[in-house]
């Protein structure tokens, strides 16, 4: 029930929620890393899809880079996979000008490379 309401809420109020996007996106990605029933996982994925469609690409990209380099976060393998899948889909719909060559982005790329070299991270390497 909550996830369906969240999707509707995002669609209706997306213009007023940009300051809330960091919390929304990171919490949904963390939720994707949890052990969920298939039906709940589909609802979380729907919320992520609506989020991706509702907010500016460059803002989402910057948030994902910031989340990736955040030293206070220790994402599980499933969360790392969810982050990478989201970045992959987002990057496909971005214009070249949306990408920002910042120290945070370079550090995030370095962090992703580190993730791929970790033992037990075969899902991340895919």
C-alpha atoms as a PDB file:
ATOM      1  CA  UNK A   1       0.000   0.000   0.000  1.00  0.00           C
ATOM      2  CA  UNK A   2       2.727   2.480   0.970  1.00  0.00           C
ATOM      3  CA  UNK A   3       4.786   1.913  -2.176  1.00  0.00           C
ATOM      4  CA  UNK A   4       1.796   2.456  -4.460  1.00  0.00           C
ATOM      5  CA  UNK A   5       1.008   5.670  -2.595  1.00  0.00           C
ATOM      6  CA  UNK A   6       4.653   6.718  -2.839  1.00  0.00           C
ATOM      7  CA  UNK A   7       4.586   6.325  -6.622  1.00  0.00           C
ATOM      8  CA  UNK A   8       1.450   8.475  -6.862  1.00  0.00           C
ATOM      9  CA  UNK A   9       2.938  11.031  -4.468  1.00  0.00           C
ATOM     10  CA  UNK A  10       6.112  11.316  -6.558  1.00  0.00           C
ATOM     11  CA  UNK A  11       4.155  11.746  -9.783  1.00  0.00           C
ATOM     12  CA  UNK A  12       1.912  14.452  -8.357  1.00  0.00           C
ATOM     13  CA  UNK A  13       4.469  16.404  -6.308  1.00  0.00           C
ATOM     14  CA  UNK A  14       7.742  15.833  -8.196  1.00  0.00           C
ATOM     15  CA  UNK A  15       8.348  19.563  -8.713  1.00  0.00           C
ATOM     16  CA  UNK A  16       8.270  20.161  -4.966  1.00  0.00           C
ATOM     17  CA  UNK A  17      10.368  17.142  -3.967  1.00  0.00           C
ATOM     18  CA  UNK A  18      13.809  17.850  -5.422  1.00  0.00           C
ATOM     19  CA  UNK A  19      15.245  18.628  -1.981  1.00  0.00           C
ATOM     20  CA  UNK A  20      13.926  15.265  -0.812  1.00  0.00           C
ATOM     21  CA  UNK A  21      15.399  13.271  -3.715  1.00  0.00           C
ATOM     22  CA  UNK A  22      18.578  12.194  -1.889  1.00  0.00           C
ATOM     23  CA  UNK A  23      16.584  10.534   0.890  1.00  0.00           C
ATOM     24  CA  UNK A  24      14.075   9.011  -1.535  1.00  0.00           C
ATOM     25  CA  UNK A  25      16.631   7.562  -3.923  1.00  0.00           C
ATOM     26  CA  UNK A  26      19.013   6.214  -1.294  1.00  0.00           C
ATOM     27  CA  UNK A  27      16.245   4.612   0.749  1.00  0.00           C
ATOM     28  CA  UNK A  28      14.732   2.935  -2.312  1.00  0.00           C
ATOM     29  CA  UNK A  29      18.142   1.585  -3.349  1.00  0.00           C
ATOM     30  CA  UNK A  30      18.749   0.275   0.169  1.00  0.00           C
ATOM     31  CA  UNK A  31      15.319  -1.359   0.070  1.00  0.00           C
ATOM     32  CA  UNK A  32      16.268  -3.121  -3.174  1.00  0.00           C
ATOM     33  CA  UNK A  33      19.195  -4.647  -1.291  1.00  0.00           C
ATOM     34  CA  UNK A  34      16.935  -6.252   1.283  1.00  0.00           C
ATOM     35  CA  UNK A  35      15.455  -9.723   1.016  1.00  0.00           C
ATOM     36  CA  UNK A  36      12.002  -8.920  -0.322  1.00  0.00           C
ATOM     37  CA  UNK A  37       9.100 -10.873  -1.678  1.00  0.00           C
ATOM     38  CA  UNK A  38       8.887 -10.680  -5.449  1.00  0.00           C
ATOM     39  CA  UNK A  39       5.752  -8.549  -5.295  1.00  0.00           C
ATOM     40  CA  UNK A  40       7.366  -6.015  -2.937  1.00  0.00           C
ATOM     41  CA  UNK A  41      10.545  -5.932  -5.016  1.00  0.00           C
ATOM     42  CA  UNK A  42       8.454  -5.152  -8.112  1.00  0.00           C
ATOM     43  CA  UNK A  43       6.806  -2.256  -6.277  1.00  0.00           C
ATOM     44  CA  UNK A  44      10.177  -0.871  -5.164  1.00  0.00           C
ATOM     45  CA  UNK A  45      11.422  -1.180  -8.745  1.00  0.00           C
ATOM     46  CA  UNK A  46       8.331   0.699  -9.956  1.00  0.00           C
ATOM     47  CA  UNK A  47       9.073   3.464  -7.435  1.00  0.00           C
ATOM     48  CA  UNK A  48      12.674   3.627  -8.702  1.00  0.00           C
ATOM     49  CA  UNK A  49      11.474   3.782 -12.318  1.00  0.00           C
ATOM     50  CA  UNK A  50       9.052   6.604 -11.531  1.00  0.00           C
ATOM     51  CA  UNK A  51      11.795   8.423  -9.627  1.00  0.00           C
ATOM     52  CA  UNK A  52      14.152   8.101 -12.617  1.00  0.00           C
ATOM     53  CA  UNK A  53      11.494   9.509 -14.953  1.00  0.00           C
ATOM     54  CA  UNK A  54      10.369  12.304 -12.615  1.00  0.00           C
ATOM     55  CA  UNK A  55      13.566  14.118 -11.671  1.00  0.00           C
ATOM     56  CA  UNK A  56      16.379  15.766 -13.644  1.00  0.00           C
ATOM     57  CA  UNK A  57      19.040  13.293 -14.763  1.00  0.00           C
ATOM     58  CA  UNK A  58      21.972  15.421 -13.646  1.00  0.00           C
ATOM     59  CA  UNK A  59      20.507  15.799 -10.147  1.00  0.00           C
ATOM     60  CA  UNK A  60      20.018  12.042  -9.841  1.00  0.00           C
ATOM     61  CA  UNK A  61      23.535  11.383 -11.143  1.00  0.00           C
ATOM     62  CA  UNK A  62      25.071  13.777  -8.612  1.00  0.00           C
ATOM     63  CA  UNK A  63      23.114  12.150  -5.791  1.00  0.00           C
ATOM     64  CA  UNK A  64      24.227   8.680  -6.862  1.00  0.00           C
ATOM     65  CA  UNK A  65      27.857   9.799  -6.979  1.00  0.00           C
ATOM     66  CA  UNK A  66      27.566  11.364  -3.523  1.00  0.00           C
ATOM     67  CA  UNK A  67      25.921   8.218  -2.133  1.00  0.00           C
ATOM     68  CA  UNK A  68      28.586   5.998  -3.688  1.00  0.00           C
ATOM     69  CA  UNK A  69      31.461   7.892  -2.068  1.00  0.00           C
ATOM     70  CA  UNK A  70      29.756   8.422   1.296  1.00  0.00           C
ATOM     71  CA  UNK A  71      32.120   6.977   3.903  1.00  0.00           C
ATOM     72  CA  UNK A  72      29.260   6.476   6.361  1.00  0.00           C
ATOM     73  CA  UNK A  73      27.568   4.004   4.012  1.00  0.00           C
ATOM     74  CA  UNK A  74      28.617   0.369   3.750  1.00  0.00           C
ATOM     75  CA  UNK A  75      26.239  -1.026   1.151  1.00  0.00           C
ATOM     76  CA  UNK A  76      25.642  -4.744   0.895  1.00  0.00           C
ATOM     77  CA  UNK A  77      26.358  -6.555  -2.351  1.00  0.00           C
ATOM     78  CA  UNK A  78      22.678  -6.361  -3.302  1.00  0.00           C
ATOM     79  CA  UNK A  79      22.611  -2.611  -2.704  1.00  0.00           C
ATOM     80  CA  UNK A  80      25.769  -2.195  -4.803  1.00  0.00           C
ATOM     81  CA  UNK A  81      24.110  -4.116  -7.631  1.00  0.00           C
ATOM     82  CA  UNK A  82      20.970  -1.971  -7.307  1.00  0.00           C
ATOM     83  CA  UNK A  83      23.073   1.219  -7.431  1.00  0.00           C
ATOM     84  CA  UNK A  84      24.984   0.051 -10.491  1.00  0.00           C
ATOM     85  CA  UNK A  85      21.827  -1.022 -12.329  1.00  0.00           C
ATOM     86  CA  UNK A  86      20.206   2.328 -11.582  1.00  0.00           C
ATOM     87  CA  UNK A  87      23.295   4.225 -12.771  1.00  0.00           C
ATOM     88  CA  UNK A  88      23.421   2.104 -15.936  1.00  0.00           C
ATOM     89  CA  UNK A  89      19.794   2.829 -16.821  1.00  0.00           C
ATOM     90  CA  UNK A  90      20.131   6.500 -15.912  1.00  0.00           C
ATOM     91  CA  UNK A  91      23.338   6.908 -17.942  1.00  0.00           C
ATOM     92  CA  UNK A  92      21.617   5.528 -21.048  1.00  0.00           C
ATOM     93  CA  UNK A  93      19.022   8.306 -20.942  1.00  0.00           C
ATOM     94  CA  UNK A  94      21.438  11.135 -20.070  1.00  0.00           C
ATOM     95  CA  UNK A  95      22.848  13.656 -22.516  1.00  0.00           C
ATOM     96  CA  UNK A  96      26.646  14.033 -22.550  1.00  0.00           C
ATOM     97  CA  UNK A  97      26.311  17.476 -20.950  1.00  0.00           C
ATOM     98  CA  UNK A  98      24.543  15.960 -17.936  1.00  0.00           C
ATOM     99  CA  UNK A  99      27.740  14.224 -16.835  1.00  0.00           C
ATOM    100  CA  UNK A 100      29.911  16.317 -14.555  1.00  0.00           C
ATOM    101  CA  UNK A 101      33.626  15.627 -14.316  1.00  0.00           C
ATOM    102  CA  UNK A 102      34.072  16.385 -10.629  1.00  0.00           C
ATOM    103  CA  UNK A 103      36.341  14.970  -7.967  1.00  0.00           C
ATOM    104  CA  UNK A 104      33.281  13.271  -6.473  1.00  0.00           C
ATOM    105  CA  UNK A 105      32.486  11.555  -9.789  1.00  0.00           C
ATOM    106  CA  UNK A 106      36.087  10.405 -10.218  1.00  0.00           C
ATOM    107  CA  UNK A 107      36.111   9.073  -6.658  1.00  0.00           C
ATOM    108  CA  UNK A 108      32.798   7.271  -7.271  1.00  0.00           C
ATOM    109  CA  UNK A 109      34.211   5.591 -10.393  1.00  0.00           C
ATOM    110  CA  UNK A 110      37.229   4.543  -8.365  1.00  0.00           C
ATOM    111  CA  UNK A 111      34.939   3.156  -5.655  1.00  0.00           C
ATOM    112  CA  UNK A 112      32.963   1.137  -8.226  1.00  0.00           C
ATOM    113  CA  UNK A 113      36.209  -0.310  -9.588  1.00  0.00           C
ATOM    114  CA  UNK A 114      37.169  -1.269  -6.033  1.00  0.00           C
ATOM    115  CA  UNK A 115      33.797  -2.972  -5.599  1.00  0.00           C
ATOM    116  CA  UNK A 116      34.514  -5.176  -8.612  1.00  0.00           C
ATOM    117  CA  UNK A 117      37.797  -6.414  -7.145  1.00  0.00           C
ATOM    118  CA  UNK A 118      36.293  -7.496  -3.837  1.00  0.00           C
ATOM    119  CA  UNK A 119      35.917 -11.215  -3.191  1.00  0.00           C
ATOM    120  CA  UNK A 120      32.313 -12.447  -3.320  1.00  0.00           C
ATOM    121  CA  UNK A 121      31.332  -9.635  -5.681  1.00  0.00           C
ATOM    122  CA  UNK A 122      30.629 -11.608  -8.843  1.00  0.00           C
ATOM    123  CA  UNK A 123      27.164 -10.009  -9.079  1.00  0.00           C
ATOM    124  CA  UNK A 124      28.768  -6.568  -8.996  1.00  0.00           C
ATOM    125  CA  UNK A 125      31.163  -7.508 -11.824  1.00  0.00           C
ATOM    126  CA  UNK A 126      28.243  -8.487 -14.073  1.00  0.00           C
END
